[in-house]
């Protein structure tokens, strides 16, 4: 059975300079560990002191968070996420080849017109975020991976898992987002990454004849969720976002009970979800409908 292990960073005051010299900021924190089954009906919580043997980190997954109001740059809360990723990346092995990938999850949002880049192509959020990591933090482009398909948090979880994590056999990842966004991210990634995957390894010869050498295997990935500061948002916006996150988390947890296998999930996502179903593609770009749906919260949320 596949499982996810979620480690939540608690909010603590900044340590003194004397303690800062003794260990990295990451290892100074206390965490709450949640062991979740694939149905996420049982959890076991306990405070985790970071005394375990250090595990190899395969990837740091950072979730996108939109553009500025003029669609020309990244909002400060997204830069906060990226700054953490760059710092965390450089804490690992000195050799770039042994460092984790930084995987950027997000292409665009269905709630707002996307910016365009040269040639008239869509300027994906993940593309602009990658440019920031390269230009401002000198991250090796070969260690940055992009998701250019997802348009929401569910898609962030799905495409990072099936496009990047599964083919590479990742066992240990961090998922980074802002504190205000963590409810939804946690629910989405625990749902999508918590579903077991069974892979049949069949051997074929050059004539496409099955040699009957088949076996099955399932994946296991440990996820550490890291929340960054809620910067650059007004109190009104944070309150509106918090309410929206609570509603989204509730919906995600309910759907997780109904679509608890990768087969059920894929059928649901690609035949009914607004962002990915062909039957609903005419709804993408109808921004007036989005504002009506959000009601009085639309302005506070930036739509």
Foldseek 3Di string as FASTA:
>chain_A
DAWEKEWEFDDDDDDDPVVCVVDPPVLVTKTWIWIAALLRPDTDTDIDRPPDDDDQAAEEEEEADAAPLVQPGHFPQSVQQLVVRLVVQCVDDVDLVRTHAYEYFWFEALQDDFDADPPRHGCGRLNRSLVCCCPVRVRDSVRYHYDNQDHDLLRSQQCCCPVPCVVVQAAEYEYEHAPLQVLLNVLNNRNNSNAKDKDWDWDADPVRDTPPPIDIDIGYHYYYYYHGYPPDADPLLSVLSNVVSVVNSVVSSVVSNVQSHPVSVVCCCQPPNCRHDPVNVVSRPPNVVVCVVSDPCCVSNSD
